[in-house]
Amino acid sequence: MVEDDEFTHQLVAVTLASQDVELVFESDGAAALERIRSVRPDLVLMDVMLPGRDGVELTQGLKSDPELATIPVVMVTGEARREILMRSMEAGAADFLVKPFTPDALVAKLGRFLPTLR
């Protein structure tokens, strides 16, 4: 998960603690891209509003790398404006999760991409 808000980190960690997933968090966009390259996650939860490079730009960078392009990116945003959703889709995002979200919504959304979630 690429997210600079500690509360959201904790919510995701607590929600997925009982699931068969390994979580990796990054709060800085530049560090996140390097971490994604080294970890090769099955999915990236990407906050739209990040310090420095925003999540849409990071998603574009990820999708432009042939070795990372197949990793699904679920954008997490507190602003569900049409412009942000369109930019994210054009960048290659697979889906969206709007903050605030419930634990059930998180598991349901991620379950579309991670069959191990129940």
PDB file of N, CA and C in Angstrom:
ATOM      1  N   MET A   1       0.837  -1.172   0.000  1.00  0.00           N
ATOM      2  CA  MET A   1       0.000   0.000   0.000  1.00  0.00           C
ATOM      3  C   MET A   1       0.881   1.235   0.000  1.00  0.00           C
ATOM      4  N   VAL A   2       0.553   2.162  -0.869  1.00  0.00           N
ATOM      5  CA  VAL A   2       1.244   3.443  -0.927  1.00  0.00           C
ATOM      6  C   VAL A   2       0.266   4.474  -0.377  1.00  0.00           C
ATOM      7  N   GLU A   3       0.545   4.929   0.837  1.00  0.00           N
ATOM      8  CA  GLU A   3      -0.394   5.807   1.555  1.00  0.00           C
ATOM      9  C   GLU A   3       0.379   6.587   2.604  1.00  0.00           C
ATOM     10  N   ASP A   4       0.168   7.898   2.654  1.00  0.00           N
ATOM     11  CA  ASP A   4       0.890   8.717   3.628  1.00  0.00           C
ATOM     12  C   ASP A   4       0.102   8.964   4.915  1.00  0.00           C
ATOM     13  N   ASP A   5      -1.111   8.450   5.003  1.00  0.00           N
ATOM     14  CA  ASP A   5      -1.934   8.641   6.195  1.00  0.00           C
ATOM     15  C   ASP A   5      -1.813   7.426   7.115  1.00  0.00           C
ATOM     16  N   GLU A   6      -1.284   7.642   8.310  1.00  0.00           N
ATOM     17  CA  GLU A   6      -1.047   6.550   9.260  1.00  0.00           C
ATOM     18  C   GLU A   6      -2.339   5.840   9.669  1.00  0.00           C
ATOM     19  N   PHE A   7      -3.429   6.587   9.832  1.00  0.00           N
ATOM     20  CA  PHE A   7      -4.698   5.977  10.215  1.00  0.00           C
ATOM     21  C   PHE A   7      -5.157   4.973   9.156  1.00  0.00           C
ATOM     22  N   THR A   8      -5.017   5.331   7.890  1.00  0.00           N
ATOM     23  CA  THR A   8      -5.411   4.418   6.812  1.00  0.00           C
ATOM     24  C   THR A   8      -4.515   3.187   6.804  1.00  0.00           C
ATOM     25  N   HIS A   9      -3.225   3.363   7.052  1.00  0.00           N
ATOM     26  CA  HIS A   9      -2.306   2.208   7.192  1.00  0.00           C
ATOM     27  C   HIS A   9      -2.846   1.250   8.242  1.00  0.00           C
ATOM     28  N   GLN A  10      -3.175   1.806   9.415  1.00  0.00           N
ATOM     29  CA  GLN A  10      -3.643   0.977  10.519  1.00  0.00           C
ATOM     30  C   GLN A  10      -4.964   0.287  10.192  1.00  0.00           C
ATOM     31  N   LEU A  11      -5.878   1.010   9.570  1.00  0.00           N
ATOM     32  CA  LEU A  11      -7.167   0.422   9.194  1.00  0.00           C
ATOM     33  C   LEU A  11      -6.975  -0.767   8.258  1.00  0.00           C
ATOM     34  N   VAL A  12      -6.131  -0.600   7.259  1.00  0.00           N
ATOM     35  CA  VAL A  12      -5.877  -1.684   6.310  1.00  0.00           C
ATOM     36  C   VAL A  12      -5.182  -2.845   7.014  1.00  0.00           C
ATOM     37  N   ALA A  13      -4.197  -2.564   7.842  1.00  0.00           N
ATOM     38  CA  ALA A  13      -3.470  -3.625   8.551  1.00  0.00           C
ATOM     39  C   ALA A  13      -4.394  -4.423   9.462  1.00  0.00           C
ATOM     40  N   VAL A  14      -5.229  -3.745  10.223  1.00  0.00           N
ATOM     41  CA  VAL A  14      -6.162  -4.432  11.129  1.00  0.00           C
ATOM     42  C   VAL A  14      -7.191  -5.224  10.336  1.00  0.00           C
ATOM     43  N   THR A  15      -7.714  -4.632   9.275  1.00  0.00           N
ATOM     44  CA  THR A  15      -8.729  -5.303   8.460  1.00  0.00           C
ATOM     45  C   THR A  15      -8.195  -6.571   7.820  1.00  0.00           C
ATOM     46  N   LEU A  16      -6.962  -6.535   7.363  1.00  0.00           N
ATOM     47  CA  LEU A  16      -6.405  -7.685   6.633  1.00  0.00           C
ATOM     48  C   LEU A  16      -5.559  -8.606   7.504  1.00  0.00           C
ATOM     49  N   ALA A  17      -5.496  -8.337   8.813  1.00  0.00           N
ATOM     50  CA  ALA A  17      -4.662  -9.141   9.717  1.00  0.00           C
ATOM     51  C   ALA A  17      -5.047 -10.617   9.703  1.00  0.00           C
ATOM     52  N   SER A  18      -6.320 -10.921   9.570  1.00  0.00           N
ATOM     53  CA  SER A  18      -6.761 -12.313   9.592  1.00  0.00           C
ATOM     54  C   SER A  18      -6.764 -12.951   8.202  1.00  0.00           C
ATOM     55  N   GLN A  19      -6.382 -12.196   7.201  1.00  0.00           N
ATOM     56  CA  GLN A  19      -6.365 -12.706   5.827  1.00  0.00           C
ATOM     57  C   GLN A  19      -4.981 -13.269   5.495  1.00  0.00           C
ATOM     58  N   ASP A  20      -4.935 -14.086   4.482  1.00  0.00           N
ATOM     59  CA  ASP A  20      -3.675 -14.680   4.049  1.00  0.00           C
ATOM     60  C   ASP A  20      -2.966 -13.741   3.066  1.00  0.00           C
ATOM     61  N   VAL A  21      -2.549 -12.578   3.579  1.00  0.00           N
ATOM     62  CA  VAL A  21      -1.840 -11.603   2.758  1.00  0.00           C
ATOM     63  C   VAL A  21      -0.654 -11.051   3.534  1.00  0.00           C
ATOM     64  N   GLU A  22       0.363 -10.676   2.803  1.00  0.00           N
ATOM     65  CA  GLU A  22       1.513 -10.007   3.399  1.00  0.00           C
ATOM     66  C   GLU A  22       1.442  -8.550   2.969  1.00  0.00           C
ATOM     67  N   LEU A  23       1.446  -7.645   3.935  1.00  0.00           N
ATOM     68  CA  LEU A  23       1.316  -6.225   3.646  1.00  0.00           C
ATOM     69  C   LEU A  23       2.664  -5.531   3.684  1.00  0.00           C
ATOM     70  N   VAL A  24       2.852  -4.610   2.757  1.00  0.00           N
ATOM     71  CA  VAL A  24       4.023  -3.757   2.715  1.00  0.00           C
ATOM     72  C   VAL A  24       3.514  -2.336   2.529  1.00  0.00           C
ATOM     73  N   PHE A  25       3.960  -1.428   3.382  1.00  0.00           N
ATOM     74  CA  PHE A  25       3.512  -0.038   3.319  1.00  0.00           C
ATOM     75  C   PHE A  25       4.659   0.878   2.923  1.00  0.00           C
ATOM     76  N   GLU A  26       4.331   1.872   2.135  1.00  0.00           N
ATOM     77  CA  GLU A  26       5.263   2.951   1.784  1.00  0.00           C
ATOM     78  C   GLU A  26       4.451   4.240   1.808  1.00  0.00           C
ATOM     79  N   SER A  27       5.049   5.307   2.298  1.00  0.00           N
ATOM     80  CA  SER A  27       4.315   6.573   2.351  1.00  0.00           C
ATOM     81  C   SER A  27       4.865   7.606   1.370  1.00  0.00           C
ATOM     82  N   ASP A  28       6.003   7.336   0.791  1.00  0.00           N
ATOM     83  CA  ASP A  28       6.642   8.261  -0.140  1.00  0.00           C
ATOM     84  C   ASP A  28       6.596   7.676  -1.551  1.00  0.00           C
ATOM     85  N   GLY A  29       6.170   8.485  -2.499  1.00  0.00           N
ATOM     86  CA  GLY A  29       5.998   8.016  -3.871  1.00  0.00           C
ATOM     87  C   GLY A  29       7.255   7.462  -4.512  1.00  0.00           C
ATOM     88  N   ALA A  30       8.364   8.171  -4.394  1.00  0.00           N
ATOM     89  CA  ALA A  30       9.606   7.717  -5.027  1.00  0.00           C
ATOM     90  C   ALA A  30      10.067   6.404  -4.419  1.00  0.00           C
ATOM     91  N   ALA A  31      10.021   6.310  -3.104  1.00  0.00           N
ATOM     92  CA  ALA A  31      10.416   5.069  -2.429  1.00  0.00           C
ATOM     93  C   ALA A  31       9.464   3.935  -2.794  1.00  0.00           C
ATOM     94  N   ALA A  32       8.207   4.265  -2.998  1.00  0.00           N
ATOM     95  CA  ALA A  32       7.209   3.237  -3.313  1.00  0.00           C
ATOM     96  C   ALA A  32       7.516   2.527  -4.621  1.00  0.00           C
ATOM     97  N   LEU A  33       7.885   3.279  -5.641  1.00  0.00           N
ATOM     98  CA  LEU A  33       8.173   2.656  -6.933  1.00  0.00           C
ATOM     99  C   LEU A  33       9.360   1.701  -6.819  1.00  0.00           C
ATOM    100  N   GLU A  34      10.372   2.100  -6.075  1.00  0.00           N
ATOM    101  CA  GLU A  34      11.527   1.211  -5.860  1.00  0.00           C
ATOM    102  C   GLU A  34      11.109  -0.029  -5.069  1.00  0.00           C
ATOM    103  N   ARG A  35      10.269   0.148  -4.074  1.00  0.00           N
ATOM    104  CA  ARG A  35       9.804  -0.982  -3.254  1.00  0.00           C
ATOM    105  C   ARG A  35       8.970  -1.937  -4.100  1.00  0.00           C
ATOM    106  N   ILE A  36       8.122  -1.392  -4.956  1.00  0.00           N
ATOM    107  CA  ILE A  36       7.301  -2.238  -5.843  1.00  0.00           C
ATOM    108  C   ILE A  36       8.200  -3.039  -6.770  1.00  0.00           C
ATOM    109  N   ARG A  37       9.249  -2.412  -7.275  1.00  0.00           N
ATOM    110  CA  ARG A  37      10.198  -3.129  -8.140  1.00  0.00           C
ATOM    111  C   ARG A  37      10.867  -4.282  -7.399  1.00  0.00           C
ATOM    112  N   SER A  38      11.194  -4.082  -6.132  1.00  0.00           N
ATOM    113  CA  SER A  38      11.906  -5.130  -5.395  1.00  0.00           C
ATOM    114  C   SER A  38      10.972  -6.206  -4.848  1.00  0.00           C
ATOM    115  N   VAL A  39       9.775  -5.830  -4.422  1.00  0.00           N
ATOM    116  CA  VAL A  39       8.845  -6.795  -3.807  1.00  0.00           C
ATOM    117  C   VAL A  39       7.998  -7.537  -4.838  1.00  0.00           C
ATOM    118  N   ARG A  40       7.644  -6.853  -5.931  1.00  0.00           N
ATOM    119  CA  ARG A  40       6.757  -7.425  -6.956  1.00  0.00           C
ATOM    120  C   ARG A  40       5.439  -7.909  -6.345  1.00  0.00           C
ATOM    121  N   PRO A  41       4.648  -6.992  -5.781  1.00  0.00           N
ATOM    122  CA  PRO A  41       3.408  -7.399  -5.110  1.00  0.00           C
ATOM    123  C   PRO A  41       2.356  -7.907  -6.095  1.00  0.00           C
ATOM    124  N   ASP A  42       1.371  -8.616  -5.572  1.00  0.00           N
ATOM    125  CA  ASP A  42       0.256  -9.100  -6.388  1.00  0.00           C
ATOM    126  C   ASP A  42      -0.735  -7.990  -6.685  1.00  0.00           C
ATOM    127  N   LEU A  43      -0.692  -6.919  -5.883  1.00  0.00           N
ATOM    128  CA  LEU A  43      -1.619  -5.806  -6.031  1.00  0.00           C
ATOM    129  C   LEU A  43      -1.028  -4.589  -5.322  1.00  0.00           C
ATOM    130  N   VAL A  44      -1.355  -3.400  -5.811  1.00  0.00           N
ATOM    131  CA  VAL A  44      -0.935  -2.165  -5.151  1.00  0.00           C
ATOM    132  C   VAL A  44      -2.180  -1.351  -4.835  1.00  0.00           C
ATOM    133  N   LEU A  45      -2.332  -0.995  -3.562  1.00  0.00           N
ATOM    134  CA  LEU A  45      -3.326  -0.002  -3.147  1.00  0.00           C
ATOM    135  C   LEU A  45      -2.595   1.321  -3.203  1.00  0.00           C
ATOM    136  N   MET A  46      -3.072   2.253  -4.020  1.00  0.00           N
ATOM    137  CA  MET A  46      -2.343   3.490  -4.284  1.00  0.00           C
ATOM    138  C   MET A  46      -3.194   4.703  -3.920  1.00  0.00           C
ATOM    139  N   ASP A  47      -2.742   5.453  -2.929  1.00  0.00           N
ATOM    140  CA  ASP A  47      -3.413   6.706  -2.585  1.00  0.00           C
ATOM    141  C   ASP A  47      -3.214   7.688  -3.738  1.00  0.00           C
ATOM    142  N   VAL A  48      -4.238   8.467  -4.030  1.00  0.00           N
ATOM    143  CA  VAL A  48      -4.124   9.454  -5.100  1.00  0.00           C
ATOM    144  C   VAL A  48      -3.287  10.642  -4.644  1.00  0.00           C
ATOM    145  N   MET A  49      -3.559  11.142  -3.456  1.00  0.00           N
ATOM    146  CA  MET A  49      -2.889  12.343  -2.961  1.00  0.00           C
ATOM    147  C   MET A  49      -1.691  11.959  -2.101  1.00  0.00           C
ATOM    148  N   LEU A  50      -0.512  12.080  -2.664  1.00  0.00           N
ATOM    149  CA  LEU A  50       0.733  11.776  -1.957  1.00  0.00           C
ATOM    150  C   LEU A  50       1.658  12.980  -2.029  1.00  0.00           C
ATOM    151  N   PRO A  51       2.547  13.120  -1.073  1.00  0.00           N
ATOM    152  CA  PRO A  51       3.527  14.197  -1.183  1.00  0.00           C
ATOM    153  C   PRO A  51       4.478  13.912  -2.349  1.00  0.00           C
ATOM    154  N   GLY A  52       4.877  14.959  -3.043  1.00  0.00           N
ATOM    155  CA  GLY A  52       5.755  14.769  -4.199  1.00  0.00           C
ATOM    156  C   GLY A  52       4.948  14.299  -5.393  1.00  0.00           C
ATOM    157  N   ARG A  53       5.294  13.160  -5.926  1.00  0.00           N
ATOM    158  CA  ARG A  53       4.551  12.569  -7.049  1.00  0.00           C
ATOM    159  C   ARG A  53       3.226  12.038  -6.549  1.00  0.00           C
ATOM    160  N   ASP A  54       2.142  12.355  -7.244  1.00  0.00           N
ATOM    161  CA  ASP A  54       0.852  11.826  -6.809  1.00  0.00           C
ATOM    162  C   ASP A  54       0.673  10.393  -7.292  1.00  0.00           C
ATOM    163  N   GLY A  55      -0.358   9.738  -6.769  1.00  0.00           N
ATOM    164  CA  GLY A  55      -0.599   8.338  -7.077  1.00  0.00           C
ATOM    165  C   GLY A  55      -0.876   8.057  -8.543  1.00  0.00           C
ATOM    166  N   VAL A  56      -1.461   9.028  -9.238  1.00  0.00           N
ATOM    167  CA  VAL A  56      -1.725   8.847 -10.673  1.00  0.00           C
ATOM    168  C   VAL A  56      -0.402   8.795 -11.432  1.00  0.00           C
ATOM    169  N   GLU A  57       0.519   9.704 -11.106  1.00  0.00           N
ATOM    170  CA  GLU A  57       1.837   9.693 -11.750  1.00  0.00           C
ATOM    171  C   GLU A  57       2.600   8.408 -11.436  1.00  0.00           C
ATOM    172  N   LEU A  58       2.516   7.956 -10.193  1.00  0.00           N
ATOM    173  CA  LEU A  58       3.181   6.701  -9.821  1.00  0.00           C
ATOM    174  C   LEU A  58       2.592   5.522 -10.592  1.00  0.00           C
ATOM    175  N   THR A  59       1.283   5.521 -10.746  1.00  0.00           N
ATOM    176  CA  THR A  59       0.627   4.448 -11.496  1.00  0.00           C
ATOM    177  C   THR A  59       1.090   4.468 -12.946  1.00  0.00           C
ATOM    178  N   GLN A  60       1.208   5.653 -13.533  1.00  0.00           N
ATOM    179  CA  GLN A  60       1.724   5.754 -14.907  1.00  0.00           C
ATOM    180  C   GLN A  60       3.126   5.171 -14.999  1.00  0.00           C
ATOM    181  N   GLY A  61       3.970   5.496 -14.021  1.00  0.00           N
ATOM    182  CA  GLY A  61       5.323   4.963 -14.008  1.00  0.00           C
ATOM    183  C   GLY A  61       5.348   3.457 -13.885  1.00  0.00           C
ATOM    184  N   LEU A  62       4.503   2.940 -13.019  1.00  0.00           N
ATOM    185  CA  LEU A  62       4.421   1.494 -12.822  1.00  0.00           C
ATOM    186  C   LEU A  62       3.945   0.812 -14.101  1.00  0.00           C
ATOM    187  N   LYS A  63       2.925   1.364 -14.724  1.00  0.00           N
ATOM    188  CA  LYS A  63       2.349   0.755 -15.924  1.00  0.00           C
ATOM    189  C   LYS A  63       3.248   0.901 -17.148  1.00  0.00           C
ATOM    190  N   SER A  64       4.185   1.851 -17.122  1.00  0.00           N
ATOM    191  CA  SER A  64       5.095   2.011 -18.258  1.00  0.00           C
ATOM    192  C   SER A  64       6.286   1.053 -18.182  1.00  0.00           C
ATOM    193  N   ASP A  65       6.430   0.368 -17.055  1.00  0.00           N
ATOM    194  CA  ASP A  65       7.505  -0.601 -16.885  1.00  0.00           C
ATOM    195  C   ASP A  65       6.961  -1.985 -17.238  1.00  0.00           C
ATOM    196  N   PRO A  66       7.437  -2.608 -18.313  1.00  0.00           N
ATOM    197  CA  PRO A  66       6.894  -3.899 -18.747  1.00  0.00           C
ATOM    198  C   PRO A  66       6.929  -4.985 -17.668  1.00  0.00           C
ATOM    199  N   GLU A  67       7.890  -4.908 -16.760  1.00  0.00           N
ATOM    200  CA  GLU A  67       7.986  -5.923 -15.711  1.00  0.00           C
ATOM    201  C   GLU A  67       6.957  -5.713 -14.602  1.00  0.00           C
ATOM    202  N   LEU A  68       6.399  -4.510 -14.505  1.00  0.00           N
ATOM    203  CA  LEU A  68       5.445  -4.190 -13.443  1.00  0.00           C
ATOM    204  C   LEU A  68       4.033  -3.919 -13.965  1.00  0.00           C
ATOM    205  N   ALA A  69       3.895  -3.791 -15.259  1.00  0.00           N
ATOM    206  CA  ALA A  69       2.639  -3.333 -15.861  1.00  0.00           C
ATOM    207  C   ALA A  69       1.442  -4.217 -15.557  1.00  0.00           C
ATOM    208  N   THR A  70       1.657  -5.487 -15.282  1.00  0.00           N
ATOM    209  CA  THR A  70       0.520  -6.390 -15.047  1.00  0.00           C
ATOM    210  C   THR A  70       0.011  -6.364 -13.605  1.00  0.00           C
ATOM    211  N   ILE A  71       0.715  -5.672 -12.720  1.00  0.00           N
ATOM    212  CA  ILE A  71       0.276  -5.588 -11.323  1.00  0.00           C
ATOM    213  C   ILE A  71      -0.958  -4.696 -11.253  1.00  0.00           C
ATOM    214  N   PRO A  72      -2.086  -5.214 -10.755  1.00  0.00           N
ATOM    215  CA  PRO A  72      -3.272  -4.360 -10.646  1.00  0.00           C
ATOM    216  C   PRO A  72      -3.063  -3.274  -9.596  1.00  0.00           C
ATOM    217  N   VAL A  73      -3.554  -2.080  -9.923  1.00  0.00           N
ATOM    218  CA  VAL A  73      -3.483  -0.938  -9.014  1.00  0.00           C
ATOM    219  C   VAL A  73      -4.900  -0.515  -8.676  1.00  0.00           C
ATOM    220  N   VAL A  74      -5.204  -0.510  -7.383  1.00  0.00           N
ATOM    221  CA  VAL A  74      -6.492  -0.010  -6.897  1.00  0.00           C
ATOM    222  C   VAL A  74      -6.221   1.337  -6.258  1.00  0.00           C
ATOM    223  N   MET A  75      -6.796   2.368  -6.842  1.00  0.00           N
ATOM    224  CA  MET A  75      -6.609   3.724  -6.336  1.00  0.00           C
ATOM    225  C   MET A  75      -7.468   3.932  -5.097  1.00  0.00           C
ATOM    226  N   VAL A  76      -6.882   4.604  -4.114  1.00  0.00           N
ATOM    227  CA  VAL A  76      -7.596   4.952  -2.887  1.00  0.00           C
ATOM    228  C   VAL A  76      -7.664   6.474  -2.854  1.00  0.00           C
ATOM    229  N   THR A  77      -8.875   7.004  -2.774  1.00  0.00           N
ATOM    230  CA  THR A  77      -9.019   8.448  -2.832  1.00  0.00           C
ATOM    231  C   THR A  77     -10.124   8.962  -1.918  1.00  0.00           C
ATOM    232  N   GLY A  78      -9.900  10.115  -1.369  1.00  0.00           N
ATOM    233  CA  GLY A  78     -10.923  10.793  -0.589  1.00  0.00           C
ATOM    234  C   GLY A  78     -11.756  11.702  -1.466  1.00  0.00           C
ATOM    235  N   GLU A  79     -11.330  11.869  -2.692  1.00  0.00           N
ATOM    236  CA  GLU A  79     -12.039  12.716  -3.652  1.00  0.00           C
ATOM    237  C   GLU A  79     -12.460  11.883  -4.848  1.00  0.00           C
ATOM    238  N   ALA A  80     -13.738  11.618  -4.946  1.00  0.00           N
ATOM    239  CA  ALA A  80     -14.246  10.798  -6.051  1.00  0.00           C
ATOM    240  C   ALA A  80     -14.705  11.677  -7.214  1.00  0.00           C
ATOM    241  N   ARG A  81     -13.916  12.719  -7.485  1.00  0.00           N
ATOM    242  CA  ARG A  81     -14.264  13.593  -8.610  1.00  0.00           C
ATOM    243  C   ARG A  81     -14.002  12.865  -9.923  1.00  0.00           C
ATOM    244  N   ARG A  82     -14.838  13.154 -10.895  1.00  0.00           N
ATOM    245  CA  ARG A  82     -14.747  12.518 -12.210  1.00  0.00           C
ATOM    246  C   ARG A  82     -13.349  12.681 -12.819  1.00  0.00           C
ATOM    247  N   GLU A  83     -12.764  13.873 -12.690  1.00  0.00           N
ATOM    248  CA  GLU A  83     -11.445  14.143 -13.257  1.00  0.00           C
ATOM    249  C   GLU A  83     -10.387  13.193 -12.683  1.00  0.00           C
ATOM    250  N   ILE A  84     -10.406  13.000 -11.371  1.00  0.00           N
ATOM    251  CA  ILE A  84      -9.425  12.117 -10.733  1.00  0.00           C
ATOM    252  C   ILE A  84      -9.650  10.679 -11.167  1.00  0.00           C
ATOM    253  N   LEU A  85     -10.899  10.256 -11.226  1.00  0.00           N
ATOM    254  CA  LEU A  85     -11.202   8.894 -11.652  1.00  0.00           C
ATOM    255  C   LEU A  85     -10.764   8.671 -13.097  1.00  0.00           C
ATOM    256  N   MET A  86     -11.018   9.632 -13.966  1.00  0.00           N
ATOM    257  CA  MET A  86     -10.632   9.497 -15.376  1.00  0.00           C
ATOM    258  C   MET A  86      -9.105   9.466 -15.530  1.00  0.00           C
ATOM    259  N   ARG A  87      -8.405  10.359 -14.833  1.00  0.00           N
ATOM    260  CA  ARG A  87      -6.928  10.368 -14.890  1.00  0.00           C
ATOM    261  C   ARG A  87      -6.356   9.038 -14.411  1.00  0.00           C
ATOM    262  N   SER A  88      -6.954   8.511 -13.356  1.00  0.00           N
ATOM    263  CA  SER A  88      -6.475   7.242 -12.796  1.00  0.00           C
ATOM    264  C   SER A  88      -6.690   6.096 -13.774  1.00  0.00           C
ATOM    265  N   MET A  89      -7.854   6.060 -14.395  1.00  0.00           N
ATOM    266  CA  MET A  89      -8.136   4.995 -15.364  1.00  0.00           C
ATOM    267  C   MET A  89      -7.199   5.117 -16.568  1.00  0.00           C
ATOM    268  N   GLU A  90      -6.975   6.337 -17.032  1.00  0.00           N
ATOM    269  CA  GLU A  90      -6.062   6.549 -18.157  1.00  0.00           C
ATOM    270  C   GLU A  90      -4.641   6.133 -17.799  1.00  0.00           C
ATOM    271  N   ALA A  91      -4.275   6.262 -16.538  1.00  0.00           N
ATOM    272  CA  ALA A  91      -2.943   5.869 -16.079  1.00  0.00           C
ATOM    273  C   ALA A  91      -2.803   4.354 -15.973  1.00  0.00           C
ATOM    274  N   GLY A  92      -3.934   3.635 -15.954  1.00  0.00           N
ATOM    275  CA  GLY A  92      -3.886   2.177 -15.896  1.00  0.00           C
ATOM    276  C   GLY A  92      -4.442   1.561 -14.634  1.00  0.00           C
ATOM    277  N   ALA A  93      -5.087   2.364 -13.781  1.00  0.00           N
ATOM    278  CA  ALA A  93      -5.676   1.806 -12.558  1.00  0.00           C
ATOM    279  C   ALA A  93      -6.754   0.783 -12.909  1.00  0.00           C
ATOM    280  N   ALA A  94      -6.828  -0.264 -12.098  1.00  0.00           N
ATOM    281  CA  ALA A  94      -7.816  -1.327 -12.318  1.00  0.00           C
ATOM    282  C   ALA A  94      -9.140  -1.029 -11.631  1.00  0.00           C
ATOM    283  N   ASP A  95      -9.102  -0.254 -10.530  1.00  0.00           N
ATOM    284  CA  ASP A  95     -10.320   0.008  -9.765  1.00  0.00           C
ATOM    285  C   ASP A  95     -10.065   1.124  -8.767  1.00  0.00           C
ATOM    286  N   PHE A  96     -11.108   1.449  -7.986  1.00  0.00           N
ATOM    287  CA  PHE A  96     -11.057   2.537  -7.007  1.00  0.00           C
ATOM    288  C   PHE A  96     -11.649   2.104  -5.699  1.00  0.00           C
ATOM    289  N   LEU A  97     -11.193   2.719  -4.634  1.00  0.00           N
ATOM    290  CA  LEU A  97     -11.773   2.578  -3.310  1.00  0.00           C
ATOM    291  C   LEU A  97     -11.829   3.984  -2.732  1.00  0.00           C
ATOM    292  N   VAL A  98     -13.038   4.436  -2.388  1.00  0.00           N
ATOM    293  CA  VAL A  98     -13.218   5.808  -1.920  1.00  0.00           C
ATOM    294  C   VAL A  98     -13.185   5.840  -0.396  1.00  0.00           C
ATOM    295  N   LYS A  99     -12.367   6.765   0.146  1.00  0.00           N
ATOM    296  CA  LYS A  99     -12.285   6.970   1.588  1.00  0.00           C
ATOM    297  C   LYS A  99     -13.444   7.853   2.024  1.00  0.00           C
ATOM    298  N   PRO A 100     -13.969   7.658   3.183  1.00  0.00           N
ATOM    299  CA  PRO A 100     -13.670   6.547   4.089  1.00  0.00           C
ATOM    300  C   PRO A 100     -14.337   5.272   3.586  1.00  0.00           C
ATOM    301  N   PHE A 101     -13.672   4.148   3.787  1.00  0.00           N
ATOM    302  CA  PHE A 101     -14.232   2.864   3.354  1.00  0.00           C
ATOM    303  C   PHE A 101     -14.388   1.961   4.567  1.00  0.00           C
ATOM    304  N   THR A 102     -15.274   1.001   4.445  1.00  0.00           N
ATOM    305  CA  THR A 102     -15.489   0.043   5.527  1.00  0.00           C
ATOM    306  C   THR A 102     -14.553  -1.146   5.335  1.00  0.00           C
ATOM    307  N   PRO A 103     -14.300  -1.889   6.395  1.00  0.00           N
ATOM    308  CA  PRO A 103     -13.491  -3.101   6.246  1.00  0.00           C
ATOM    309  C   PRO A 103     -14.089  -4.067   5.221  1.00  0.00           C
ATOM    310  N   ASP A 104     -15.413  -4.220   5.227  1.00  0.00           N
ATOM    311  CA  ASP A 104     -16.055  -5.121   4.253  1.00  0.00           C
ATOM    312  C   ASP A 104     -15.828  -4.647   2.823  1.00  0.00           C
ATOM    313  N   ALA A 105     -15.893  -3.341   2.604  1.00  0.00           N
ATOM    314  CA  ALA A 105     -15.672  -2.796   1.260  1.00  0.00           C
ATOM    315  C   ALA A 105     -14.235  -3.048   0.813  1.00  0.00           C
ATOM    316  N   LEU A 106     -13.283  -2.901   1.728  1.00  0.00           N
ATOM    317  CA  LEU A 106     -11.879  -3.151   1.402  1.00  0.00           C
ATOM    318  C   LEU A 106     -11.668  -4.603   0.998  1.00  0.00           C
ATOM    319  N   VAL A 107     -12.160  -5.519   1.800  1.00  0.00           N
ATOM    320  CA  VAL A 107     -11.981  -6.948   1.512  1.00  0.00           C
ATOM    321  C   VAL A 107     -12.686  -7.320   0.200  1.00  0.00           C
ATOM    322  N   ALA A 108     -13.882  -6.805  -0.012  1.00  0.00           N
ATOM    323  CA  ALA A 108     -14.611  -7.107  -1.251  1.00  0.00           C
ATOM    324  C   ALA A 108     -13.861  -6.593  -2.474  1.00  0.00           C
ATOM    325  N   LYS A 109     -13.359  -5.377  -2.389  1.00  0.00           N
ATOM    326  CA  LYS A 109     -12.642  -4.786  -3.520  1.00  0.00           C
ATOM    327  C   LYS A 109     -11.356  -5.560  -3.815  1.00  0.00           C
ATOM    328  N   LEU A 110     -10.580  -5.848  -2.781  1.00  0.00           N
ATOM    329  CA  LEU A 110      -9.329  -6.567  -2.983  1.00  0.00           C
ATOM    330  C   LEU A 110      -9.563  -8.014  -3.400  1.00  0.00           C
ATOM    331  N   GLY A 111     -10.675  -8.585  -2.944  1.00  0.00           N
ATOM    332  CA  GLY A 111     -11.022  -9.955  -3.306  1.00  0.00           C
ATOM    333  C   GLY A 111     -11.225 -10.145  -4.801  1.00  0.00           C
ATOM    334  N   ARG A 112     -11.531  -9.064  -5.501  1.00  0.00           N
ATOM    335  CA  ARG A 112     -11.666  -9.147  -6.968  1.00  0.00           C
ATOM    336  C   ARG A 112     -10.325  -9.471  -7.619  1.00  0.00           C
ATOM    337  N   PHE A 113      -9.239  -9.102  -6.970  1.00  0.00           N
ATOM    338  CA  PHE A 113      -7.904  -9.263  -7.553  1.00  0.00           C
ATOM    339  C   PHE A 113      -7.040 -10.297  -6.825  1.00  0.00           C
ATOM    340  N   LEU A 114      -7.387 -10.577  -5.574  1.00  0.00           N
ATOM    341  CA  LEU A 114      -6.616 -11.524  -4.762  1.00  0.00           C
ATOM    342  C   LEU A 114      -7.539 -12.658  -4.329  1.00  0.00           C
ATOM    343  N   PRO A 115      -7.526 -13.766  -5.038  1.00  0.00           N
ATOM    344  CA  PRO A 115      -8.446 -14.865  -4.741  1.00  0.00           C
ATOM    345  C   PRO A 115      -8.287 -15.456  -3.339  1.00  0.00           C
ATOM    346  N   THR A 116      -7.166 -15.196  -2.671  1.00  0.00           N
ATOM    347  CA  THR A 116      -6.981 -15.764  -1.332  1.00  0.00           C
ATOM    348  C   THR A 116      -7.813 -15.056  -0.272  1.00  0.00           C
ATOM    349  N   LEU A 117      -8.331 -13.868  -0.578  1.00  0.00           N
ATOM    350  CA  LEU A 117      -9.156 -13.157   0.405  1.00  0.00           C
ATOM    351  C   LEU A 117     -10.524 -13.808   0.489  1.00  0.00           C
ATOM    352  N   ARG A 118     -11.047 -13.848   1.717  1.00  0.00           N
ATOM    353  CA  ARG A 118     -12.380 -14.434   1.885  1.00  0.00           C
ATOM    354  C   ARG A 118     -13.327 -13.426   2.462  1.00  0.00           C
TER     355      ARG A 118
END
